[in-house]
Protein backbone atom coordinates (compact mmCIF):
# COMPACT_ATOMS: atom_id res chain seq x y z
CA MET A 1 96.61 -39.00 -131.42
CA ASP A 2 95.29 -37.28 -134.52
CA TYR A 3 91.94 -37.35 -136.27
CA THR A 4 90.59 -38.53 -139.62
CA LEU A 5 87.65 -37.34 -141.69
CA ASP A 6 85.78 -39.48 -144.17
CA ALA A 7 83.24 -37.48 -146.18
CA ARG A 8 80.62 -38.53 -148.69
CA PHE A 9 77.65 -36.74 -150.16
CA ASP A 10 74.35 -38.46 -149.35
CA GLN A 11 71.96 -37.89 -152.26
CA GLU A 12 68.98 -39.17 -150.28
CA ARG A 13 69.49 -36.76 -147.37
CA LYS A 14 70.93 -34.11 -149.64
CA GLY A 15 73.81 -33.43 -147.31
CA TRP A 16 77.39 -34.22 -146.40
CA VAL A 17 77.90 -37.19 -144.11
CA VAL A 18 81.25 -36.85 -142.40
CA THR A 19 82.66 -39.52 -140.12
CA ILE A 20 85.19 -38.06 -137.73
CA SER A 21 87.52 -40.33 -135.76
CA GLY A 22 90.23 -39.84 -133.17
CA GLU A 23 90.94 -36.65 -131.26
CA VAL A 24 90.39 -33.03 -132.27
CA ASP A 25 92.20 -30.42 -130.21
CA ILE A 26 94.09 -27.14 -130.35
CA PHE A 27 96.73 -28.70 -132.60
CA ASN A 28 94.44 -29.86 -135.39
CA SER A 29 91.09 -28.07 -134.99
CA ALA A 30 91.95 -25.40 -137.60
CA ASP A 31 92.67 -28.14 -140.12
CA MET A 32 89.36 -29.85 -139.31
CA LYS A 33 87.49 -26.54 -139.71
CA LYS A 34 89.19 -25.92 -143.06
CA SER A 35 88.28 -29.40 -144.35
CA LEU A 36 84.64 -29.11 -143.29
CA THR A 37 84.34 -25.58 -144.68
CA GLU A 38 85.71 -26.74 -148.04
CA LEU A 39 82.97 -29.38 -148.21
CA ILE A 40 80.24 -26.85 -147.46
CA ASN A 41 81.66 -24.43 -150.00
CA GLU A 42 81.65 -27.23 -152.60
CA LYS A 43 77.97 -28.07 -151.96
CA ASN A 44 75.88 -25.72 -149.84
CA THR A 45 73.85 -28.27 -147.91
CA ASP A 46 73.27 -29.82 -144.52
CA MET A 47 76.17 -31.50 -142.75
CA ILE A 48 75.88 -34.65 -140.66
CA LEU A 49 78.89 -35.33 -138.44
CA ASP A 50 79.01 -38.97 -137.35
CA CYS A 51 80.98 -38.96 -134.10
CA LYS A 52 80.82 -42.65 -133.19
CA SER A 53 84.64 -42.90 -133.46
CA LEU A 54 85.40 -39.45 -132.05
CA ASP A 55 87.25 -40.00 -128.77
CA TYR A 56 88.12 -36.48 -127.66
CA ILE A 57 87.33 -32.87 -128.48
CA ASP A 58 88.53 -29.74 -126.68
CA SER A 59 87.15 -26.21 -126.50
CA THR A 60 89.18 -25.09 -129.51
CA ALA A 61 87.57 -27.81 -131.60
CA LEU A 62 84.12 -26.88 -130.28
CA GLY A 63 84.79 -23.33 -131.43
CA ALA A 64 85.84 -24.62 -134.84
CA LEU A 65 82.58 -26.60 -135.11
CA VAL A 66 80.59 -23.47 -134.24
CA GLY A 67 82.44 -21.66 -137.04
CA VAL A 68 81.48 -24.41 -139.49
CA LEU A 69 77.89 -24.27 -138.22
CA LYS A 70 77.73 -20.54 -139.02
CA ASN A 71 78.88 -21.33 -142.55
CA VAL A 72 76.30 -24.12 -142.91
CA ARG A 73 73.54 -21.84 -141.64
CA SER A 74 74.55 -19.05 -144.01
CA TYR A 75 73.41 -21.37 -146.83
CA GLY A 76 70.20 -22.28 -144.99
CA GLY A 77 71.54 -25.65 -143.90
CA VAL A 78 71.44 -27.61 -140.65
CA MET A 79 74.36 -29.26 -138.87
CA TYR A 80 73.69 -32.59 -137.19
CA MET A 81 75.87 -34.32 -134.59
CA ARG A 82 75.21 -38.06 -134.76
CA ASN A 83 76.28 -40.85 -132.38
CA VAL A 84 78.06 -38.61 -129.90
CA LYS A 85 79.57 -40.65 -127.05
CA PRO A 86 78.16 -39.97 -123.56
CA SER A 87 81.33 -38.25 -122.34
CA LEU A 88 81.32 -35.88 -125.32
CA SER A 89 77.56 -35.46 -125.19
CA LYS A 90 78.01 -34.15 -121.64
CA LEU A 91 80.43 -31.53 -122.96
CA PHE A 92 77.86 -30.39 -125.52
CA ARG A 93 75.21 -30.15 -122.76
CA ILE A 94 77.49 -28.23 -120.36
CA THR A 95 78.30 -25.68 -123.06
CA ASN A 96 74.65 -25.58 -124.26
CA LEU A 97 75.82 -26.55 -127.74
CA ASP A 98 73.30 -29.39 -127.66
CA LYS A 99 70.74 -26.62 -128.27
CA VAL A 100 72.70 -25.22 -131.25
CA PHE A 101 73.49 -28.44 -133.12
CA VAL A 102 70.84 -31.04 -133.91
CA MET A 103 71.89 -34.03 -131.80
CA GLU A 104 71.04 -37.50 -133.16
CA GLY A 105 71.81 -41.07 -132.18
CA ASP A 106 71.56 -43.64 -129.43
CA ASP A 107 73.74 -41.78 -126.93
CA VAL A 108 71.69 -38.58 -126.98
CA GLU A 109 69.47 -38.07 -123.96
């Protein structure tokens, strides 16, 4: 399975809202990182990743997200992970990335 990104700029929150769906892994994580980086380079703001339809992410994809986070922070922005499923939320906790990203949504403990 592949992934899809749907991005829009939220004027009210002054940030990118990106819905990510499917699976992100070693085969497509570089493409995801490139797409997210292009958004941040277009408008240097916060980024909100809505993960309600994200089914799977591997360590390569986590690394790609950390790379995007560094870019977001270089502009003084914050990266939010919203609606992360419990199984993926556990992965963020195990890797301590729940302390690096701002976790939002019903599934966050």
